[in-house]
Amino acid sequence: MSEKPFWEGKTCEEMANLHVKVTFVAGAVLTGITDCSGHIRRSRNGSVVPISANRGSERFVPYRDIESIELLDDPEYERIDNIEDVREGDVYVGTDGNRYTVLQRTTSNLQPLTVAVINTTFYPHRSYFGYALRPTPKLPDHDGLWLDRVGNTWTMCDGKVHIIRISDGDWCFTRPWFYTDSVQVVNAGPFRPAKAVEA
């Protein structure tokens, strides 16, 4: 028995701003971001490709020449397949494709997470879990000064970084250097380039 498509029962407005892959019966494939009118926008000037026969608050109904519509993961996110690894701030994706922000973990084995649902909270059953998405932290990617998520100052040179000042403390240039994919650097993210007046 096949699972119902993630778009089934949703309105065009509920389908807005999703990254999808549309496969047409003739074999053409289109990827893009949906809008609230049941379209995929092709350009900034308003050129669109309609994928739903309805629009707005009406039910989303794919055109007959569409074979499938798949929800794509955003490359800015890391996919988490084990519910035990999900944490606060991750995006919970249900088996039907619906997405929710994870608020916290619970002590329940059957309903281990609390998620945000339009002005309230929800405790989805473990069986509803499809996967989760975690925003990929912005890491230093060029030489210069960087600030981490709590305001510590780091410097990057030749692909390595080290912390040179902890918040408003003293400067120290003798701390160890790390590669940008090391656990010490990843856990300090997201980073942003430091302006001269901030360093």
C-alpha atoms as a PDB file:
ATOM      1  CA  MET A   1       0.000   0.000   0.000  1.00  0.00           C
ATOM      2  CA  SER A   2       1.541   3.293  -1.066  1.00  0.00           C
ATOM      3  CA  GLU A   3       1.669   6.345   1.158  1.00  0.00           C
ATOM      4  CA  LYS A   4      -0.467   9.302   0.125  1.00  0.00           C
ATOM      5  CA  PRO A   5       1.438  12.172  -1.526  1.00  0.00           C
ATOM      6  CA  PHE A   6       2.612  14.939   0.798  1.00  0.00           C
ATOM      7  CA  TRP A   7       0.466  17.543  -1.039  1.00  0.00           C
ATOM      8  CA  GLU A   8      -2.826  15.651  -0.721  1.00  0.00           C
ATOM      9  CA  GLY A   9      -5.461  17.607   1.215  1.00  0.00           C
ATOM     10  CA  LYS A  10      -3.433  20.819   1.298  1.00  0.00           C
ATOM     11  CA  THR A  11      -4.420  24.171  -0.143  1.00  0.00           C
ATOM     12  CA  CYS A  12      -2.210  26.056  -2.595  1.00  0.00           C
ATOM     13  CA  GLU A  13      -1.405  28.525   0.188  1.00  0.00           C
ATOM     14  CA  GLU A  14      -0.219  25.673   2.429  1.00  0.00           C
ATOM     15  CA  MET A  15       1.960  24.457  -0.437  1.00  0.00           C
ATOM     16  CA  ALA A  16       3.706  27.825  -0.857  1.00  0.00           C
ATOM     17  CA  ASN A  17       7.485  28.223  -0.465  1.00  0.00           C
ATOM     18  CA  LEU A  18       8.343  24.537  -0.794  1.00  0.00           C
ATOM     19  CA  HIS A  19      11.307  23.291  -2.835  1.00  0.00           C
ATOM     20  CA  VAL A  20       9.829  20.620  -5.133  1.00  0.00           C
ATOM     21  CA  LYS A  21      10.689  18.431  -8.113  1.00  0.00           C
ATOM     22  CA  VAL A  22       7.858  18.027 -10.642  1.00  0.00           C
ATOM     23  CA  THR A  23       7.999  15.152 -13.142  1.00  0.00           C
ATOM     24  CA  PHE A  24       5.670  15.414 -16.135  1.00  0.00           C
ATOM     25  CA  VAL A  25       4.143  12.406 -17.930  1.00  0.00           C
ATOM     26  CA  ALA A  26       6.146  13.282 -21.060  1.00  0.00           C
ATOM     27  CA  GLY A  27       9.383  12.982 -19.060  1.00  0.00           C
ATOM     28  CA  ALA A  28      10.250  16.649 -18.451  1.00  0.00           C
ATOM     29  CA  VAL A  29      11.472  17.490 -14.951  1.00  0.00           C
ATOM     30  CA  LEU A  30      11.171  20.877 -13.255  1.00  0.00           C
ATOM     31  CA  THR A  31      12.492  21.912  -9.855  1.00  0.00           C
ATOM     32  CA  GLY A  32      11.712  25.141  -8.074  1.00  0.00           C
ATOM     33  CA  ILE A  33       9.937  26.933  -5.234  1.00  0.00           C
ATOM     34  CA  THR A  34       6.135  26.907  -5.157  1.00  0.00           C
ATOM     35  CA  ASP A  35       3.992  29.992  -4.614  1.00  0.00           C
ATOM     36  CA  CYS A  36       0.522  30.419  -3.083  1.00  0.00           C
ATOM     37  CA  SER A  37      -1.128  30.317  -6.515  1.00  0.00           C
ATOM     38  CA  GLY A  38      -0.056  26.753  -7.305  1.00  0.00           C
ATOM     39  CA  HIS A  39       2.833  27.815  -9.546  1.00  0.00           C
ATOM     40  CA  ILE A  40       6.588  27.429  -9.665  1.00  0.00           C
ATOM     41  CA  ARG A  41       8.227  30.778 -10.295  1.00  0.00           C
ATOM     42  CA  ARG A  42      10.703  30.678 -13.215  1.00  0.00           C
ATOM     43  CA  SER A  43      12.092  34.173 -12.917  1.00  0.00           C
ATOM     44  CA  ARG A  44      12.056  37.279 -10.755  1.00  0.00           C
ATOM     45  CA  ASN A  45       9.919  39.170 -13.264  1.00  0.00           C
ATOM     46  CA  GLY A  46       6.895  36.982 -12.553  1.00  0.00           C
ATOM     47  CA  SER A  47       7.192  34.240 -15.184  1.00  0.00           C
ATOM     48  CA  VAL A  48       5.600  31.086 -13.709  1.00  0.00           C
ATOM     49  CA  VAL A  49       4.786  27.465 -14.544  1.00  0.00           C
ATOM     50  CA  PRO A  50       1.384  26.416 -13.167  1.00  0.00           C
ATOM     51  CA  ILE A  51       1.361  23.003 -11.488  1.00  0.00           C
ATOM     52  CA  SER A  52      -2.063  23.130  -9.784  1.00  0.00           C
ATOM     53  CA  ALA A  53      -5.465  23.495 -11.427  1.00  0.00           C
ATOM     54  CA  ASN A  54      -6.620  25.446  -8.331  1.00  0.00           C
ATOM     55  CA  ARG A  55      -5.064  28.420  -6.562  1.00  0.00           C
ATOM     56  CA  GLY A  56      -4.911  30.293  -3.242  1.00  0.00           C
ATOM     57  CA  SER A  57      -7.098  28.869  -0.497  1.00  0.00           C
ATOM     58  CA  GLU A  58      -8.494  26.182  -2.826  1.00  0.00           C
ATOM     59  CA  ARG A  59      -7.286  22.593  -2.622  1.00  0.00           C
ATOM     60  CA  PHE A  60      -3.987  21.876  -4.409  1.00  0.00           C
ATOM     61  CA  VAL A  61      -4.750  19.652  -7.432  1.00  0.00           C
ATOM     62  CA  PRO A  62      -1.846  18.807  -9.799  1.00  0.00           C
ATOM     63  CA  TYR A  63      -2.524  19.082 -13.535  1.00  0.00           C
ATOM     64  CA  ARG A  64      -3.224  15.775 -15.304  1.00  0.00           C
ATOM     65  CA  ASP A  65       0.052  15.874 -17.247  1.00  0.00           C
ATOM     66  CA  ILE A  66       2.047  15.759 -13.974  1.00  0.00           C
ATOM     67  CA  GLU A  67       3.256  12.295 -13.000  1.00  0.00           C
ATOM     68  CA  SER A  68       4.684  13.162  -9.580  1.00  0.00           C
ATOM     69  CA  ILE A  69       5.622  15.993  -7.235  1.00  0.00           C
ATOM     70  CA  GLU A  70       8.400  15.339  -4.726  1.00  0.00           C
ATOM     71  CA  LEU A  71       9.526  17.469  -1.818  1.00  0.00           C
ATOM     72  CA  LEU A  72      13.259  18.211  -2.057  1.00  0.00           C
ATOM     73  CA  ASP A  73      15.603  18.763   0.840  1.00  0.00           C
ATOM     74  CA  ASP A  74      17.301  22.121   0.966  1.00  0.00           C
ATOM     75  CA  PRO A  75      21.110  21.927   0.534  1.00  0.00           C
ATOM     76  CA  GLU A  76      21.416  24.383   3.431  1.00  0.00           C
ATOM     77  CA  TYR A  77      20.196  21.608   5.762  1.00  0.00           C
ATOM     78  CA  GLU A  78      21.671  18.370   7.080  1.00  0.00           C
ATOM     79  CA  ARG A  79      19.238  15.410   7.038  1.00  0.00           C
ATOM     80  CA  ILE A  80      18.701  13.570  10.367  1.00  0.00           C
ATOM     81  CA  ASP A  81      17.171  10.090  10.000  1.00  0.00           C
ATOM     82  CA  ASN A  82      17.373   8.940  13.635  1.00  0.00           C
ATOM     83  CA  ILE A  83      14.702  10.505  15.850  1.00  0.00           C
ATOM     84  CA  GLU A  84      17.044  10.153  18.839  1.00  0.00           C
ATOM     85  CA  ASP A  85      19.460  12.636  17.206  1.00  0.00           C
ATOM     86  CA  VAL A  86      16.820  15.358  16.715  1.00  0.00           C
ATOM     87  CA  ARG A  87      17.231  18.446  18.881  1.00  0.00           C
ATOM     88  CA  GLU A  88      15.680  21.854  19.536  1.00  0.00           C
ATOM     89  CA  GLY A  89      15.677  24.095  16.452  1.00  0.00           C
ATOM     90  CA  ASP A  90      15.639  21.232  13.929  1.00  0.00           C
ATOM     91  CA  VAL A  91      12.870  21.006  11.326  1.00  0.00           C
ATOM     92  CA  TYR A  92      10.674  17.942  11.938  1.00  0.00           C
ATOM     93  CA  VAL A  93       9.355  16.376   8.708  1.00  0.00           C
ATOM     94  CA  GLY A  94       6.398  14.017   9.135  1.00  0.00           C
ATOM     95  CA  THR A  95       5.750  10.951   6.991  1.00  0.00           C
ATOM     96  CA  ASP A  96       3.279  13.040   4.973  1.00  0.00           C
ATOM     97  CA  GLY A  97       5.860  15.770   4.254  1.00  0.00           C
ATOM     98  CA  ASN A  98       4.502  18.353   6.708  1.00  0.00           C
ATOM     99  CA  ARG A  99       7.204  20.387   8.469  1.00  0.00           C
ATOM    100  CA  TYR A 100       7.344  21.690  12.033  1.00  0.00           C
ATOM    101  CA  THR A 101       9.958  23.403  14.206  1.00  0.00           C
ATOM    102  CA  VAL A 102      11.208  21.219  17.064  1.00  0.00           C
ATOM    103  CA  LEU A 103      10.781  23.031  20.386  1.00  0.00           C
ATOM    104  CA  GLN A 104      12.224  20.439  22.769  1.00  0.00           C
ATOM    105  CA  ARG A 105      12.657  16.759  23.591  1.00  0.00           C
ATOM    106  CA  THR A 106      10.240  15.064  26.004  1.00  0.00           C
ATOM    107  CA  THR A 107      10.667  12.128  28.382  1.00  0.00           C
ATOM    108  CA  SER A 108       8.082  10.048  26.497  1.00  0.00           C
ATOM    109  CA  ASN A 109       9.336   7.153  24.365  1.00  0.00           C
ATOM    110  CA  LEU A 110       6.242   7.189  22.099  1.00  0.00           C
ATOM    111  CA  GLN A 111       6.109  10.986  21.697  1.00  0.00           C
ATOM    112  CA  PRO A 112       9.737  12.074  22.172  1.00  0.00           C
ATOM    113  CA  LEU A 113       9.464  15.574  20.682  1.00  0.00           C
ATOM    114  CA  THR A 114       7.450  18.764  21.101  1.00  0.00           C
ATOM    115  CA  VAL A 115       6.900  20.671  17.851  1.00  0.00           C
ATOM    116  CA  ALA A 116       5.301  24.014  17.012  1.00  0.00           C
ATOM    117  CA  VAL A 117       1.961  23.954  15.194  1.00  0.00           C
ATOM    118  CA  ILE A 118       0.149  27.240  14.394  1.00  0.00           C
ATOM    119  CA  ASN A 119      -0.145  29.005  17.778  1.00  0.00           C
ATOM    120  CA  THR A 120       0.135  25.781  19.789  1.00  0.00           C
ATOM    121  CA  THR A 121       2.348  22.753  20.412  1.00  0.00           C
ATOM    122  CA  PHE A 122       2.013  19.154  19.292  1.00  0.00           C
ATOM    123  CA  TYR A 123       3.540  15.860  20.460  1.00  0.00           C
ATOM    124  CA  PRO A 124       3.741  13.688  17.314  1.00  0.00           C
ATOM    125  CA  HIS A 125       3.828   9.914  17.711  1.00  0.00           C
ATOM    126  CA  ARG A 126       7.159   8.255  16.934  1.00  0.00           C
ATOM    127  CA  SER A 127       5.596   6.486  13.919  1.00  0.00           C
ATOM    128  CA  TYR A 128       4.822   9.866  12.269  1.00  0.00           C
ATOM    129  CA  PHE A 129       8.539  10.771  12.081  1.00  0.00           C
ATOM    130  CA  GLY A 130       9.929  10.812   8.541  1.00  0.00           C
ATOM    131  CA  TYR A 131      13.207  12.651   9.140  1.00  0.00           C
ATOM    132  CA  ALA A 132      14.468  15.997  10.399  1.00  0.00           C
ATOM    133  CA  LEU A 133      16.490  18.795   8.858  1.00  0.00           C
ATOM    134  CA  ARG A 134      19.149  20.750  10.720  1.00  0.00           C
ATOM    135  CA  PRO A 135      20.372  24.089   9.393  1.00  0.00           C
ATOM    136  CA  THR A 136      23.975  23.729   8.259  1.00  0.00           C
ATOM    137  CA  PRO A 137      26.008  26.174  10.320  1.00  0.00           C
ATOM    138  CA  LYS A 138      27.737  28.960   8.432  1.00  0.00           C
ATOM    139  CA  LEU A 139      31.464  28.333   8.806  1.00  0.00           C
ATOM    140  CA  PRO A 140      34.396  30.582   7.964  1.00  0.00           C
ATOM    141  CA  ASP A 141      35.147  30.276   4.242  1.00  0.00           C
ATOM    142  CA  HIS A 142      37.780  32.959   3.609  1.00  0.00           C
ATOM    143  CA  ASP A 143      40.697  34.568   5.405  1.00  0.00           C
ATOM    144  CA  GLY A 144      39.872  37.298   7.905  1.00  0.00           C
ATOM    145  CA  LEU A 145      38.155  37.886  11.224  1.00  0.00           C
ATOM    146  CA  TRP A 146      34.947  36.039  12.152  1.00  0.00           C
ATOM    147  CA  LEU A 147      32.457  36.192  15.031  1.00  0.00           C
ATOM    148  CA  ASP A 148      30.860  32.960  16.269  1.00  0.00           C
ATOM    149  CA  ARG A 149      27.308  32.562  17.562  1.00  0.00           C
ATOM    150  CA  VAL A 150      28.157  33.943  21.024  1.00  0.00           C
ATOM    151  CA  GLY A 151      30.422  36.804  19.924  1.00  0.00           C
ATOM    152  CA  ASN A 152      33.869  35.235  20.257  1.00  0.00           C
ATOM    153  CA  THR A 153      36.389  36.517  17.688  1.00  0.00           C
ATOM    154  CA  TRP A 154      38.188  34.004  15.440  1.00  0.00           C
ATOM    155  CA  THR A 155      40.722  34.500  12.688  1.00  0.00           C
ATOM    156  CA  MET A 156      41.056  32.382   9.549  1.00  0.00           C
ATOM    157  CA  CYS A 157      44.249  31.944   7.570  1.00  0.00           C
ATOM    158  CA  ASP A 158      45.123  29.296   4.962  1.00  0.00           C
ATOM    159  CA  GLY A 159      42.068  27.121   5.700  1.00  0.00           C
ATOM    160  CA  LYS A 160      42.498  26.997   9.484  1.00  0.00           C
ATOM    161  CA  VAL A 161      40.907  29.079  12.254  1.00  0.00           C
ATOM    162  CA  HIS A 162      41.580  29.831  15.881  1.00  0.00           C
ATOM    163  CA  ILE A 163      39.848  31.827  18.539  1.00  0.00           C
ATOM    164  CA  ILE A 164      41.748  34.990  19.422  1.00  0.00           C
ATOM    165  CA  ARG A 165      39.324  36.705  21.790  1.00  0.00           C
ATOM    166  CA  ILE A 166      36.561  35.311  24.007  1.00  0.00           C
ATOM    167  CA  SER A 167      33.621  37.749  24.024  1.00  0.00           C
ATOM    168  CA  ASP A 168      34.802  40.917  25.762  1.00  0.00           C
ATOM    169  CA  GLY A 169      37.915  39.305  27.242  1.00  0.00           C
ATOM    170  CA  ASP A 170      41.585  39.777  26.443  1.00  0.00           C
ATOM    171  CA  TRP A 171      43.204  38.977  23.130  1.00  0.00           C
ATOM    172  CA  CYS A 172      45.230  35.751  22.911  1.00  0.00           C
ATOM    173  CA  PHE A 173      47.023  34.640  19.753  1.00  0.00           C
ATOM    174  CA  THR A 174      48.569  31.432  21.110  1.00  0.00           C
ATOM    175  CA  ARG A 175      45.451  29.235  21.173  1.00  0.00           C
ATOM    176  CA  PRO A 176      45.411  26.118  18.938  1.00  0.00           C
ATOM    177  CA  TRP A 177      44.409  26.241  15.263  1.00  0.00           C
ATOM    178  CA  PHE A 178      41.562  24.052  13.925  1.00  0.00           C
ATOM    179  CA  TYR A 179      40.313  23.000  10.507  1.00  0.00           C
ATOM    180  CA  THR A 180      36.898  24.525   9.706  1.00  0.00           C
ATOM    181  CA  ASP A 181      35.169  21.106   9.784  1.00  0.00           C
ATOM    182  CA  SER A 182      36.489  20.243  13.259  1.00  0.00           C
ATOM    183  CA  VAL A 183      33.989  19.720  16.058  1.00  0.00           C
ATOM    184  CA  GLN A 184      35.283  22.782  17.950  1.00  0.00           C
ATOM    185  CA  VAL A 185      34.527  25.066  14.997  1.00  0.00           C
ATOM    186  CA  VAL A 186      31.233  23.460  13.911  1.00  0.00           C
ATOM    187  CA  ASN A 187      29.857  23.658  17.468  1.00  0.00           C
ATOM    188  CA  ALA A 188      30.707  27.379  17.629  1.00  0.00           C
ATOM    189  CA  GLY A 189      28.715  28.155  14.435  1.00  0.00           C
ATOM    190  CA  PRO A 190      27.044  29.865  12.831  1.00  0.00           C
ATOM    191  CA  PHE A 191      29.794  32.368  12.044  1.00  0.00           C
ATOM    192  CA  ARG A 192      29.617  35.751  10.367  1.00  0.00           C
ATOM    193  CA  PRO A 193      32.392  37.975   9.103  1.00  0.00           C
ATOM    194  CA  ALA A 194      33.445  40.509  11.732  1.00  0.00           C
ATOM    195  CA  LYS A 195      33.281  44.182  10.889  1.00  0.00           C
ATOM    196  CA  ALA A 196      36.311  46.263  11.834  1.00  0.00           C
ATOM    197  CA  VAL A 197      34.334  48.076  14.537  1.00  0.00           C
ATOM    198  CA  GLU A 198      33.287  44.747  16.125  1.00  0.00           C
ATOM    199  CA  ALA A 199      36.706  43.090  16.317  1.00  0.00           C
END
